[in-house]
């Protein structure tokens, strides 16, 4: 007996529920990271649990989430691109860009670029020089794309981008200045780094929320190939 035709599998996101989850996760990671730094530096404790929650360390829970969040944005962007008749190229480029951010959060490629220029002070972490130029070029290249978006979506994208770049790039300037003079193992460094990582979380959460709002009511359909077994 020939197999019956398989129905489409449809997935529809609850925008408000996912947005609340993202906000709660950002708050939890940020507040737990701040508490870990205060306990470590003010109380003089150095328990492994504090390292697990610190926003200044790699290979722990916050760094995992810092890679998952842009990866989720990349997935949402790819979802949007699949249903866009115009500007699909820009949506795909954005998806690839956030995939690159996720990979960078895992392997810390940008930190390996430090030391390419003979500078110091606020440019102690000199990877911000090519990063700043890249942000400027991309901003100019995407101006037309932003103008074609609805005003509300464009404002959300710009706000999210400003918050994220403010944390990821601009706060590296005072962090570099502090590191050159005082090192990277005191409360001052930890607080600046905490502000930087928190702004990154906030920016990515705002961007993901804007993407979810654009996807509201849209379904992701998975259609099995013809002749695929149904049981």
N, C-alpha and C. Protein backbone atom coordinates (compact mmCIF):
# COMPACT_ATOMS: atom_id res chain seq x y z
N UNK A 1 0.86 -1.19 0.00
CA UNK A 1 0.00 0.00 0.00
C UNK A 1 0.90 1.24 0.00
N UNK A 2 0.74 2.18 -0.92
CA UNK A 2 1.63 3.35 -0.98
C UNK A 2 1.46 4.22 0.25
N UNK A 3 2.54 4.82 0.71
CA UNK A 3 2.46 5.68 1.89
C UNK A 3 1.61 6.90 1.62
N UNK A 4 0.88 7.31 2.65
CA UNK A 4 0.06 8.51 2.51
C UNK A 4 0.95 9.73 2.48
N UNK A 5 0.44 10.79 1.90
CA UNK A 5 1.23 12.01 1.82
C UNK A 5 1.47 12.56 3.21
N UNK A 6 2.71 12.96 3.47
CA UNK A 6 3.08 13.45 4.80
C UNK A 6 2.70 14.91 4.95
N UNK A 7 2.10 15.28 6.06
CA UNK A 7 1.73 16.68 6.26
C UNK A 7 2.95 17.54 6.55
N UNK A 8 2.83 18.83 6.26
CA UNK A 8 3.89 19.77 6.63
C UNK A 8 4.00 19.83 8.15
N UNK A 9 5.23 20.01 8.62
CA UNK A 9 5.46 20.26 10.03
C UNK A 9 5.64 21.77 10.20
N UNK A 10 4.77 22.38 10.99
CA UNK A 10 4.80 23.83 11.13
C UNK A 10 5.21 24.23 12.55
N UNK A 11 6.02 25.26 12.64
CA UNK A 11 6.45 25.79 13.92
C UNK A 11 6.16 27.28 13.95
N UNK A 12 5.48 27.71 14.99
CA UNK A 12 5.19 29.14 15.13
C UNK A 12 5.66 29.59 16.51
N UNK A 13 6.49 30.63 16.53
CA UNK A 13 7.05 31.11 17.78
C UNK A 13 6.08 32.01 18.53
N UNK A 14 6.07 31.89 19.84
CA UNK A 14 5.38 32.85 20.68
C UNK A 14 6.38 33.97 20.99
N UNK A 15 6.21 35.09 20.31
CA UNK A 15 7.20 36.16 20.41
C UNK A 15 7.35 36.66 21.85
N UNK A 16 6.24 36.89 22.52
CA UNK A 16 6.30 37.45 23.87
C UNK A 16 6.98 36.48 24.83
N UNK A 17 6.71 35.17 24.69
CA UNK A 17 7.32 34.19 25.59
C UNK A 17 8.82 34.10 25.37
N UNK A 18 9.25 34.05 24.12
CA UNK A 18 10.69 33.97 23.83
C UNK A 18 11.39 35.25 24.27
N UNK A 19 10.75 36.39 24.04
CA UNK A 19 11.36 37.66 24.45
C UNK A 19 11.54 37.71 25.96
N UNK A 20 10.54 37.28 26.70
CA UNK A 20 10.66 37.26 28.17
C UNK A 20 11.79 36.34 28.60
N UNK A 21 11.91 35.19 27.96
CA UNK A 21 12.99 34.25 28.29
C UNK A 21 14.36 34.89 28.05
N UNK A 22 14.51 35.57 26.92
CA UNK A 22 15.79 36.20 26.61
C UNK A 22 16.14 37.29 27.62
N UNK A 23 15.15 38.08 28.02
CA UNK A 23 15.39 39.14 29.00
C UNK A 23 15.79 38.54 30.34
N UNK A 24 15.08 37.51 30.77
CA UNK A 24 15.39 36.87 32.05
C UNK A 24 16.80 36.27 32.03
N UNK A 25 17.16 35.60 30.94
CA UNK A 25 18.50 35.00 30.85
C UNK A 25 19.59 36.08 30.89
N UNK A 26 19.38 37.18 30.16
CA UNK A 26 20.37 38.26 30.18
C UNK A 26 20.53 38.82 31.59
N UNK A 27 19.42 39.02 32.29
CA UNK A 27 19.47 39.53 33.66
C UNK A 27 20.19 38.56 34.59
N UNK A 28 19.87 37.27 34.47
CA UNK A 28 20.48 36.28 35.35
C UNK A 28 21.99 36.19 35.14
N UNK A 29 22.41 36.13 33.88
CA UNK A 29 23.84 36.04 33.61
C UNK A 29 24.58 37.30 34.06
N UNK A 30 23.97 38.45 33.81
CA UNK A 30 24.62 39.71 34.18
C UNK A 30 24.72 39.85 35.70
N UNK A 31 23.62 39.64 36.41
CA UNK A 31 23.63 39.82 37.87
C UNK A 31 24.50 38.76 38.55
N UNK A 32 24.45 37.51 38.05
CA UNK A 32 25.30 36.47 38.63
C UNK A 32 26.77 36.79 38.41
N UNK A 33 27.09 37.34 37.22
CA UNK A 33 28.47 37.72 36.94
C UNK A 33 28.95 38.84 37.83
N UNK A 34 28.09 39.83 38.07
CA UNK A 34 28.46 40.94 38.95
C UNK A 34 28.67 40.44 40.37
N UNK A 35 27.76 39.60 40.85
CA UNK A 35 27.89 39.06 42.20
C UNK A 35 29.18 38.26 42.34
N UNK A 36 29.51 37.48 41.31
CA UNK A 36 30.74 36.68 41.36
C UNK A 36 31.97 37.57 41.49
N UNK A 37 32.00 38.68 40.76
CA UNK A 37 33.16 39.57 40.83
C UNK A 37 33.25 40.27 42.18
N UNK A 38 32.12 40.69 42.72
CA UNK A 38 32.12 41.38 44.02
C UNK A 38 32.57 40.44 45.13
N UNK A 39 32.06 39.21 45.10
CA UNK A 39 32.46 38.24 46.12
C UNK A 39 33.94 37.91 46.00
N UNK A 40 34.39 37.72 44.77
CA UNK A 40 35.80 37.33 44.55
C UNK A 40 36.76 38.42 44.99
N UNK A 41 36.46 39.68 44.64
CA UNK A 41 37.43 40.75 44.90
C UNK A 41 37.23 41.42 46.26
N UNK A 42 36.00 41.51 46.75
CA UNK A 42 35.76 42.20 48.02
C UNK A 42 35.84 41.25 49.20
N UNK A 43 35.36 40.00 49.00
CA UNK A 43 35.41 39.03 50.09
C UNK A 43 36.66 38.17 50.04
N UNK A 44 37.41 38.26 48.96
CA UNK A 44 38.66 37.50 48.86
C UNK A 44 38.48 36.02 48.63
N UNK A 45 37.30 35.61 48.15
CA UNK A 45 37.05 34.20 47.87
C UNK A 45 37.44 33.87 46.43
N UNK A 46 37.86 32.66 46.20
CA UNK A 46 38.25 32.24 44.84
C UNK A 46 37.70 30.85 44.55
N UNK A 47 36.41 30.67 44.81
CA UNK A 47 35.77 29.37 44.62
C UNK A 47 35.57 29.10 43.12
N UNK A 48 35.68 27.85 42.67
CA UNK A 48 35.47 27.53 41.25
C UNK A 48 34.11 27.98 40.72
N UNK A 49 33.09 28.03 41.58
CA UNK A 49 31.76 28.47 41.14
C UNK A 49 31.78 29.92 40.67
N UNK A 50 32.65 30.72 41.26
CA UNK A 50 32.75 32.12 40.86
C UNK A 50 33.34 32.23 39.45
N UNK A 51 34.33 31.41 39.17
CA UNK A 51 34.91 31.38 37.83
C UNK A 51 33.89 30.92 36.81
N UNK A 52 33.03 29.99 37.21
CA UNK A 52 32.01 29.46 36.32
C UNK A 52 31.00 30.53 35.91
N UNK A 53 30.81 31.56 36.76
CA UNK A 53 29.79 32.58 36.51
C UNK A 53 30.37 33.91 36.06
N UNK A 54 31.68 34.10 36.19
CA UNK A 54 32.30 35.38 35.88
C UNK A 54 32.19 35.74 34.40
N UNK A 55 31.90 36.99 34.11
CA UNK A 55 31.84 37.45 32.73
C UNK A 55 33.22 37.74 32.17
N UNK A 56 34.25 37.69 33.02
CA UNK A 56 35.61 37.99 32.58
C UNK A 56 36.38 36.75 32.16
N UNK A 57 35.81 35.58 32.39
CA UNK A 57 36.51 34.33 32.08
C UNK A 57 35.94 33.71 30.82
N UNK A 58 36.75 32.89 30.15
CA UNK A 58 36.30 32.14 28.98
C UNK A 58 36.00 30.70 29.38
N UNK A 59 35.28 29.99 28.54
CA UNK A 59 35.01 28.59 28.79
C UNK A 59 34.09 28.34 29.96
N UNK A 60 33.17 29.27 30.25
CA UNK A 60 32.23 29.07 31.35
C UNK A 60 30.80 29.33 30.86
N UNK A 61 29.84 29.42 31.76
CA UNK A 61 28.44 29.56 31.36
C UNK A 61 28.15 30.87 30.62
N UNK A 62 28.61 32.03 31.09
CA UNK A 62 28.34 33.26 30.34
C UNK A 62 28.96 33.26 28.94
N UNK A 63 30.17 32.70 28.80
CA UNK A 63 30.79 32.67 27.47
C UNK A 63 30.03 31.72 26.55
N UNK A 64 29.47 30.64 27.12
CA UNK A 64 28.62 29.75 26.32
C UNK A 64 27.40 30.50 25.81
N UNK A 65 26.75 31.25 26.71
CA UNK A 65 25.55 31.98 26.31
C UNK A 65 25.89 33.09 25.32
N UNK A 66 27.08 33.68 25.49
CA UNK A 66 27.50 34.74 24.58
C UNK A 66 27.70 34.22 23.16
N UNK A 67 27.94 32.92 23.01
CA UNK A 67 28.05 32.34 21.67
C UNK A 67 26.70 31.83 21.18
N UNK A 68 25.84 31.37 22.09
CA UNK A 68 24.52 30.86 21.70
C UNK A 68 23.61 31.99 21.23
N UNK A 69 23.67 33.15 21.89
CA UNK A 69 22.77 34.26 21.56
C UNK A 69 22.95 34.76 20.12
N UNK A 70 24.17 35.08 19.66
CA UNK A 70 24.31 35.47 18.26
C UNK A 70 24.00 34.34 17.29
N UNK A 71 24.24 33.09 17.71
CA UNK A 71 23.87 31.95 16.86
C UNK A 71 22.35 31.90 16.69
N UNK A 72 21.62 32.17 17.77
CA UNK A 72 20.16 32.25 17.66
C UNK A 72 19.72 33.37 16.74
N UNK A 73 20.40 34.53 16.83
CA UNK A 73 20.09 35.64 15.92
C UNK A 73 20.35 35.24 14.48
N UNK A 74 21.44 34.50 14.24
CA UNK A 74 21.74 34.03 12.88
C UNK A 74 20.62 33.14 12.36
N UNK A 75 20.09 32.26 13.21
CA UNK A 75 18.99 31.41 12.81
C UNK A 75 17.73 32.19 12.49
N UNK A 76 17.41 33.20 13.31
CA UNK A 76 16.24 34.03 13.06
C UNK A 76 16.41 34.82 11.76
N UNK A 77 17.61 35.32 11.51
CA UNK A 77 17.87 36.06 10.27
C UNK A 77 17.71 35.16 9.05
N UNK A 78 18.19 33.91 9.16
CA UNK A 78 18.02 32.97 8.05
C UNK A 78 16.55 32.66 7.83
N UNK A 79 15.77 32.57 8.90
CA UNK A 79 14.33 32.35 8.81
C UNK A 79 13.66 33.50 8.08
N UNK A 80 14.06 34.72 8.45
CA UNK A 80 13.50 35.91 7.79
C UNK A 80 13.88 35.91 6.31
N UNK A 81 15.16 35.63 6.02
CA UNK A 81 15.64 35.66 4.64
C UNK A 81 14.86 34.70 3.76
N UNK A 82 14.47 33.56 4.33
CA UNK A 82 13.75 32.55 3.54
C UNK A 82 12.39 33.04 3.07
N UNK A 83 11.82 34.03 3.79
CA UNK A 83 10.50 34.52 3.43
C UNK A 83 10.48 35.91 2.84
N UNK A 84 11.66 36.47 2.55
CA UNK A 84 11.74 37.83 2.02
C UNK A 84 11.85 37.82 0.50
N UNK A 85 11.04 38.66 -0.13
CA UNK A 85 11.11 38.78 -1.59
C UNK A 85 12.15 39.82 -2.01
N UNK A 86 12.39 40.81 -1.17
CA UNK A 86 13.37 41.85 -1.47
C UNK A 86 14.44 41.89 -0.36
N UNK A 87 15.60 42.38 -0.71
CA UNK A 87 16.71 42.54 0.24
C UNK A 87 17.13 41.22 0.88
N UNK A 88 16.86 40.11 0.21
CA UNK A 88 17.25 38.83 0.78
C UNK A 88 18.77 38.74 0.97
N UNK A 89 19.52 39.34 0.06
CA UNK A 89 20.98 39.33 0.16
C UNK A 89 21.43 39.93 1.49
N UNK A 90 20.83 41.06 1.89
CA UNK A 90 21.24 41.71 3.13
C UNK A 90 20.91 40.86 4.35
N UNK A 91 19.76 40.21 4.32
CA UNK A 91 19.40 39.34 5.44
C UNK A 91 20.36 38.17 5.55
N UNK A 92 20.76 37.61 4.41
CA UNK A 92 21.70 36.50 4.42
C UNK A 92 23.07 36.94 4.93
N UNK A 93 23.52 38.13 4.50
CA UNK A 93 24.80 38.65 4.98
C UNK A 93 24.76 38.85 6.49
N UNK A 94 23.65 39.38 6.99
CA UNK A 94 23.50 39.55 8.43
C UNK A 94 23.55 38.20 9.15
N UNK A 95 22.87 37.20 8.59
CA UNK A 95 22.89 35.87 9.20
C UNK A 95 24.30 35.32 9.27
N UNK A 96 25.06 35.47 8.18
CA UNK A 96 26.45 35.00 8.17
C UNK A 96 27.31 35.80 9.14
N UNK A 97 27.03 37.10 9.25
CA UNK A 97 27.78 37.93 10.18
C UNK A 97 27.58 37.50 11.62
N UNK A 98 26.34 37.21 11.99
CA UNK A 98 26.09 36.77 13.37
C UNK A 98 26.60 35.36 13.62
N UNK A 99 26.63 34.54 12.58
CA UNK A 99 27.28 33.24 12.72
C UNK A 99 28.77 33.43 13.02
N UNK A 100 29.39 34.40 12.34
CA UNK A 100 30.81 34.70 12.58
C UNK A 100 31.02 35.21 14.01
N UNK A 101 30.09 36.04 14.50
CA UNK A 101 30.20 36.54 15.88
C UNK A 101 30.13 35.38 16.87
N UNK A 102 29.22 34.44 16.60
CA UNK A 102 29.10 33.27 17.48
C UNK A 102 30.39 32.46 17.50
N UNK A 103 30.97 32.26 16.33
CA UNK A 103 32.24 31.51 16.25
C UNK A 103 33.34 32.25 16.98
N UNK A 104 33.39 33.58 16.79
CA UNK A 104 34.42 34.38 17.45
C UNK A 104 34.29 34.33 18.96
N UNK A 105 33.05 34.31 19.47
CA UNK A 105 32.86 34.21 20.91
C UNK A 105 33.39 32.90 21.45
N UNK A 106 33.41 31.87 20.61
CA UNK A 106 33.89 30.55 21.04
C UNK A 106 35.40 30.44 20.97
N UNK A 107 36.00 30.96 19.90
CA UNK A 107 37.45 30.77 19.70
C UNK A 107 38.25 32.05 19.99
N UNK A 108 37.54 33.18 20.29
CA UNK A 108 38.20 34.44 20.64
C UNK A 108 39.21 34.88 19.59
N UNK A 109 38.79 34.84 18.32
CA UNK A 109 39.68 35.21 17.23
C UNK A 109 40.13 36.66 17.36
N UNK A 110 39.23 37.54 17.78
CA UNK A 110 39.58 38.97 17.84
C UNK A 110 40.72 39.23 18.82
N UNK A 111 40.79 38.44 19.90
CA UNK A 111 41.88 38.63 20.87
C UNK A 111 43.23 38.22 20.28
N UNK A 112 43.21 37.32 19.33
CA UNK A 112 44.46 36.89 18.70
C UNK A 112 44.99 37.93 17.72
N UNK A 113 44.15 38.90 17.39
CA UNK A 113 44.58 39.96 16.49
C UNK A 113 45.26 41.10 17.24
N UNK A 114 45.20 41.09 18.57
CA UNK A 114 45.85 42.13 19.37
C UNK A 114 47.37 42.03 19.21
N UNK A 115 48.03 43.20 19.13
CA UNK A 115 49.47 43.25 19.00
C UNK A 115 49.95 43.49 17.58
N UNK A 116 49.02 43.80 16.68
CA UNK A 116 49.39 44.05 15.29
C UNK A 116 49.87 45.48 15.07
N UNK A 117 49.56 46.37 16.02
CA UNK A 117 49.92 47.78 15.87
C UNK A 117 50.75 48.21 17.09
N UNK A 118 51.65 49.13 16.87
CA UNK A 118 52.52 49.61 17.96
C UNK A 118 51.84 50.78 18.67
N UNK A 119 50.80 50.45 19.45
CA UNK A 119 50.05 51.48 20.16
C UNK A 119 49.84 51.02 21.60
N UNK A 120 49.30 51.92 22.40
CA UNK A 120 49.01 51.60 23.80
C UNK A 120 47.90 52.50 24.29
N UNK A 121 47.80 52.63 25.60
CA UNK A 121 46.74 53.46 26.18
C UNK A 121 45.37 52.88 25.89
N UNK A 122 44.46 53.72 25.40
CA UNK A 122 43.11 53.23 25.12
C UNK A 122 43.10 52.26 23.95
N UNK A 123 44.18 52.23 23.17
CA UNK A 123 44.29 51.28 22.06
C UNK A 123 45.18 50.10 22.44
N UNK A 124 45.28 49.83 23.73
CA UNK A 124 46.08 48.69 24.19
C UNK A 124 45.59 47.40 23.55
N UNK A 125 44.26 47.22 23.49
CA UNK A 125 43.68 46.11 22.73
C UNK A 125 43.46 46.61 21.31
N UNK A 126 44.51 46.54 20.49
CA UNK A 126 44.47 47.24 19.21
C UNK A 126 43.63 46.56 18.14
N UNK A 127 42.99 45.44 18.45
CA UNK A 127 42.06 44.84 17.49
C UNK A 127 40.86 45.75 17.25
N UNK A 128 40.65 46.72 18.16
CA UNK A 128 39.51 47.63 17.98
C UNK A 128 39.71 48.54 16.76
N UNK A 129 40.95 48.68 16.29
CA UNK A 129 41.18 49.54 15.11
C UNK A 129 40.55 48.93 13.87
N UNK A 130 40.90 47.68 13.47
CA UNK A 130 40.20 47.09 12.32
C UNK A 130 38.72 46.85 12.60
N UNK A 131 38.37 46.55 13.86
CA UNK A 131 36.96 46.32 14.19
C UNK A 131 36.15 47.60 13.98
N UNK A 132 36.70 48.74 14.41
CA UNK A 132 36.00 50.01 14.23
C UNK A 132 35.82 50.35 12.76
N UNK A 133 36.86 50.11 11.96
CA UNK A 133 36.76 50.36 10.52
C UNK A 133 35.72 49.45 9.88
N UNK A 134 35.67 48.19 10.31
CA UNK A 134 34.68 47.25 9.77
C UNK A 134 33.27 47.69 10.12
N UNK A 135 33.06 48.14 11.35
CA UNK A 135 31.73 48.63 11.75
C UNK A 135 31.32 49.83 10.90
N UNK A 136 32.26 50.74 10.65
CA UNK A 136 31.97 51.92 9.84
C UNK A 136 31.59 51.53 8.41
N UNK A 137 32.36 50.63 7.81
CA UNK A 137 32.09 50.20 6.44
C UNK A 137 30.74 49.50 6.34
N UNK A 138 30.46 48.60 7.28
CA UNK A 138 29.18 47.88 7.27
C UNK A 138 28.01 48.83 7.50
N UNK A 139 28.21 49.80 8.39
CA UNK A 139 27.15 50.77 8.65
C UNK A 139 26.78 51.55 7.39
N UNK A 140 27.80 51.98 6.65
CA UNK A 140 27.54 52.71 5.40
C UNK A 140 26.90 51.80 4.35
N UNK A 141 27.36 50.54 4.28
CA UNK A 141 26.83 49.61 3.28
C UNK A 141 25.38 49.25 3.54
N UNK A 142 24.95 49.30 4.80
CA UNK A 142 23.59 48.89 5.15
C UNK A 142 22.63 50.07 5.33
N UNK A 143 23.08 51.29 5.01
CA UNK A 143 22.20 52.45 5.16
C UNK A 143 20.94 52.32 4.31
N UNK A 144 21.10 51.93 3.06
CA UNK A 144 19.94 51.78 2.18
C UNK A 144 19.00 50.71 2.68
N UNK A 145 19.56 49.61 3.16
CA UNK A 145 18.74 48.52 3.71
C UNK A 145 17.93 49.01 4.89
N UNK A 146 18.54 49.78 5.79
CA UNK A 146 17.83 50.30 6.95
C UNK A 146 16.70 51.25 6.54
N UNK A 147 16.95 52.04 5.52
CA UNK A 147 15.92 52.98 5.06
C UNK A 147 14.71 52.25 4.49
N UNK A 148 14.92 51.06 3.94
CA UNK A 148 13.80 50.31 3.35
C UNK A 148 13.01 49.52 4.38
N UNK A 149 13.54 49.41 5.60
CA UNK A 149 12.79 48.77 6.67
C UNK A 149 11.72 49.72 7.20
N UNK A 150 10.76 49.16 7.92
CA UNK A 150 9.78 50.03 8.57
C UNK A 150 10.51 50.88 9.62
N UNK A 151 10.01 52.10 9.90
CA UNK A 151 10.71 52.97 10.86
C UNK A 151 10.92 52.31 12.22
N UNK A 152 9.91 51.57 12.70
CA UNK A 152 10.04 50.92 14.00
C UNK A 152 11.13 49.87 14.01
N UNK A 153 11.18 49.04 12.98
CA UNK A 153 12.21 48.00 12.89
C UNK A 153 13.59 48.62 12.75
N UNK A 154 13.70 49.66 11.92
CA UNK A 154 15.00 50.32 11.74
C UNK A 154 15.50 50.91 13.05
N UNK A 155 14.61 51.54 13.81
CA UNK A 155 15.01 52.11 15.10
C UNK A 155 15.50 51.02 16.06
N UNK A 156 14.80 49.90 16.08
CA UNK A 156 15.21 48.80 16.96
C UNK A 156 16.57 48.24 16.56
N UNK A 157 16.79 48.11 15.25
CA UNK A 157 18.07 47.60 14.77
C UNK A 157 19.21 48.55 15.13
N UNK A 158 18.99 49.84 14.93
CA UNK A 158 20.03 50.84 15.22
C UNK A 158 20.34 50.87 16.71
N UNK A 159 19.29 50.84 17.54
CA UNK A 159 19.51 50.85 18.99
C UNK A 159 20.28 49.61 19.43
N UNK A 160 19.85 48.45 18.94
CA UNK A 160 20.53 47.21 19.31
C UNK A 160 21.99 47.23 18.86
N UNK A 161 22.23 47.70 17.64
CA UNK A 161 23.60 47.78 17.13
C UNK A 161 24.45 48.74 17.92
N UNK A 162 23.88 49.89 18.30
CA UNK A 162 24.64 50.88 19.07
C UNK A 162 25.02 50.33 20.44
N UNK A 163 24.08 49.65 21.10
CA UNK A 163 24.36 49.09 22.42
C UNK A 163 25.43 48.00 22.31
N UNK A 164 25.27 47.13 21.31
CA UNK A 164 26.24 46.03 21.16
C UNK A 164 27.64 46.55 20.83
N UNK A 165 27.74 47.44 19.86
CA UNK A 165 29.05 47.98 19.49
C UNK A 165 29.64 48.80 20.63
N UNK A 166 28.76 49.51 21.38
CA UNK A 166 29.25 50.25 22.53
C UNK A 166 29.93 49.35 23.55
N UNK A 167 29.37 48.15 23.73
CA UNK A 167 30.00 47.21 24.66
C UNK A 167 31.19 46.51 24.05
N UNK A 168 31.00 45.94 22.85
CA UNK A 168 32.02 45.07 22.26
C UNK A 168 33.26 45.83 21.82
N UNK A 169 33.10 47.08 21.36
CA UNK A 169 34.23 47.82 20.80
C UNK A 169 34.60 49.03 21.66
N UNK A 170 33.65 49.90 21.92
CA UNK A 170 33.99 51.15 22.61
C UNK A 170 34.48 50.93 24.03
N UNK A 171 33.88 50.00 24.77
CA UNK A 171 34.33 49.79 26.15
C UNK A 171 35.67 49.07 26.21
N UNK A 172 36.13 48.54 25.07
CA UNK A 172 37.49 48.00 25.04
C UNK A 172 38.53 49.10 25.21
N UNK A 173 38.15 50.36 24.94
CA UNK A 173 39.10 51.48 25.08
C UNK A 173 39.46 51.73 26.55
N UNK A 174 38.46 51.98 27.44
CA UNK A 174 38.84 52.13 28.85
C UNK A 174 39.39 50.83 29.45
N UNK A 175 38.92 49.68 28.96
CA UNK A 175 39.44 48.42 29.48
C UNK A 175 40.92 48.26 29.13
N UNK A 176 41.29 48.65 27.91
CA UNK A 176 42.69 48.59 27.52
C UNK A 176 43.54 49.55 28.33
N UNK A 177 43.04 50.75 28.54
CA UNK A 177 43.77 51.75 29.36
C UNK A 177 44.01 51.21 30.76
N UNK A 178 42.97 50.63 31.36
CA UNK A 178 43.09 50.11 32.72
C UNK A 178 44.06 48.92 32.76
N UNK A 179 43.94 48.03 31.78
CA UNK A 179 44.78 46.84 31.77
C UNK A 179 46.25 47.20 31.66
N UNK A 180 46.58 48.18 30.84
CA UNK A 180 47.98 48.58 30.67
C UNK A 180 48.56 49.13 31.96
N UNK A 181 47.73 49.78 32.76
CA UNK A 181 48.23 50.43 33.98
C UNK A 181 48.08 49.58 35.24
N UNK A 182 47.05 48.77 35.31
CA UNK A 182 46.76 48.05 36.55
C UNK A 182 46.66 46.54 36.39
N UNK A 183 46.74 46.04 35.17
CA UNK A 183 46.60 44.60 34.98
C UNK A 183 45.14 44.19 34.82
N UNK A 184 44.94 42.87 34.75
CA UNK A 184 43.60 42.37 34.48
C UNK A 184 43.08 41.46 35.57
N UNK A 185 43.52 41.68 36.81
CA UNK A 185 43.08 40.82 37.90
C UNK A 185 42.69 41.62 39.13
N UNK A 186 41.99 42.73 38.93
CA UNK A 186 41.50 43.49 40.07
C UNK A 186 40.04 43.86 39.82
N UNK A 187 39.43 44.50 40.81
CA UNK A 187 38.01 44.82 40.72
C UNK A 187 37.72 45.83 39.63
N UNK A 188 38.62 46.78 39.41
CA UNK A 188 38.40 47.78 38.36
C UNK A 188 38.27 47.14 37.00
N UNK A 189 39.19 46.24 36.68
CA UNK A 189 39.12 45.52 35.41
C UNK A 189 37.83 44.71 35.33
N UNK A 190 37.50 44.02 36.40
CA UNK A 190 36.32 43.16 36.40
C UNK A 190 35.04 43.96 36.16
N UNK A 191 34.94 45.15 36.75
CA UNK A 191 33.72 45.95 36.59
C UNK A 191 33.60 46.52 35.18
N UNK A 192 34.72 46.98 34.61
CA UNK A 192 34.67 47.48 33.23
C UNK A 192 34.30 46.34 32.28
N UNK A 193 34.92 45.18 32.49
CA UNK A 193 34.63 44.03 31.64
C UNK A 193 33.19 43.57 31.82
N UNK A 194 32.68 43.64 33.05
CA UNK A 194 31.28 43.28 33.31
C UNK A 194 30.34 44.20 32.54
N UNK A 195 30.63 45.51 32.56
CA UNK A 195 29.80 46.46 31.80
C UNK A 195 29.84 46.12 30.31
N UNK A 196 31.02 45.80 29.81
CA UNK A 196 31.18 45.47 28.39
C UNK A 196 30.34 44.25 28.01
N UNK A 197 30.48 43.18 28.78
CA UNK A 197 29.75 41.94 28.46
C UNK A 197 28.25 42.11 28.64
N UNK A 198 27.85 42.89 29.63
CA UNK A 198 26.42 43.13 29.85
C UNK A 198 25.82 43.90 28.69
N UNK A 199 26.52 44.91 28.18
CA UNK A 199 26.02 45.66 27.04
C UNK A 199 25.91 44.75 25.81
N UNK A 200 26.83 43.82 25.65
CA UNK A 200 26.73 42.87 24.54
C UNK A 200 25.47 42.01 24.69
N UNK A 201 25.22 41.51 25.90
CA UNK A 201 24.00 40.74 26.14
C UNK A 201 22.76 41.56 25.83
N UNK A 202 22.75 42.80 26.30
CA UNK A 202 21.58 43.67 26.10
C UNK A 202 21.37 43.95 24.61
N UNK A 203 22.46 44.29 23.90
CA UNK A 203 22.35 44.58 22.47
C UNK A 203 21.84 43.39 21.68
N UNK A 204 22.38 42.20 21.97
CA UNK A 204 21.93 41.01 21.25
C UNK A 204 20.50 40.65 21.61
N UNK A 205 20.11 40.87 22.87
CA UNK A 205 18.73 40.60 23.27
C UNK A 205 17.76 41.55 22.57
N UNK A 206 18.13 42.82 22.48
CA UNK A 206 17.30 43.79 21.76
C UNK A 206 17.17 43.41 20.29
N UNK A 207 18.27 42.99 19.69
CA UNK A 207 18.24 42.62 18.28
C UNK A 207 17.39 41.38 18.06
N UNK A 208 17.57 40.37 18.92
CA UNK A 208 16.76 39.16 18.80
C UNK A 208 15.28 39.48 18.97
N UNK A 209 14.95 40.39 19.89
CA UNK A 209 13.55 40.78 20.09
C UNK A 209 12.98 41.46 18.85
N UNK A 210 13.80 42.30 18.20
CA UNK A 210 13.35 42.95 16.97
C UNK A 210 13.11 41.93 15.86
N UNK A 211 13.98 40.94 15.77
CA UNK A 211 13.81 39.89 14.76
C UNK A 211 12.56 39.07 15.05
N UNK A 212 12.33 38.75 16.32
CA UNK A 212 11.13 38.00 16.69
C UNK A 212 9.86 38.77 16.35
N UNK A 213 9.89 40.09 16.56
CA UNK A 213 8.73 40.90 16.23
C UNK A 213 8.44 40.86 14.73
N UNK A 214 9.50 40.85 13.92
CA UNK A 214 9.30 40.77 12.47
C UNK A 214 8.76 39.41 12.05
N UNK A 215 9.10 38.37 12.82
CA UNK A 215 8.66 37.02 12.49
C UNK A 215 7.29 36.68 13.08
N UNK A 216 6.73 37.58 13.87
CA UNK A 216 5.48 37.27 14.57
C UNK A 216 4.39 36.85 13.57
N UNK A 217 3.79 35.71 13.85
CA UNK A 217 2.72 35.20 12.99
C UNK A 217 3.22 34.38 11.81
N UNK A 218 4.53 34.36 11.59
CA UNK A 218 5.07 33.60 10.47
C UNK A 218 5.41 32.18 10.92
N UNK A 219 5.11 31.20 10.08
CA UNK A 219 5.40 29.82 10.42
C UNK A 219 6.61 29.31 9.64
N UNK A 220 7.38 28.46 10.31
CA UNK A 220 8.47 27.75 9.65
C UNK A 220 7.94 26.38 9.27
N UNK A 221 7.89 26.09 7.98
CA UNK A 221 7.33 24.82 7.52
C UNK A 221 8.42 23.89 7.03
N UNK A 222 8.36 22.68 7.49
CA UNK A 222 9.28 21.63 7.05
C UNK A 222 8.48 20.61 6.28
N UNK A 223 8.71 20.50 4.98
CA UNK A 223 7.96 19.60 4.11
C UNK A 223 8.81 18.39 3.79
N UNK A 224 8.41 17.18 4.23
CA UNK A 224 9.17 15.97 3.89
C UNK A 224 9.21 15.76 2.41
N UNK A 225 10.27 15.16 1.89
CA UNK A 225 10.36 14.90 0.45
C UNK A 225 9.28 13.93 0.00
N UNK A 226 8.91 13.98 -1.27
CA UNK A 226 7.87 13.11 -1.82
C UNK A 226 8.26 11.65 -1.62
N UNK A 227 7.30 10.86 -1.18
CA UNK A 227 7.56 9.44 -1.00
C UNK A 227 8.20 9.08 0.33
N UNK A 228 8.44 10.07 1.18
CA UNK A 228 9.06 9.78 2.47
C UNK A 228 8.08 8.98 3.34
N UNK A 229 8.57 8.00 4.10
CA UNK A 229 7.66 7.20 4.95
C UNK A 229 7.07 8.05 6.05
N UNK A 230 5.85 7.74 6.41
CA UNK A 230 5.16 8.51 7.44
C UNK A 230 5.10 7.77 8.76
N UNK A 231 5.62 6.54 8.80
CA UNK A 231 5.61 5.79 10.06
C UNK A 231 6.81 4.84 10.10
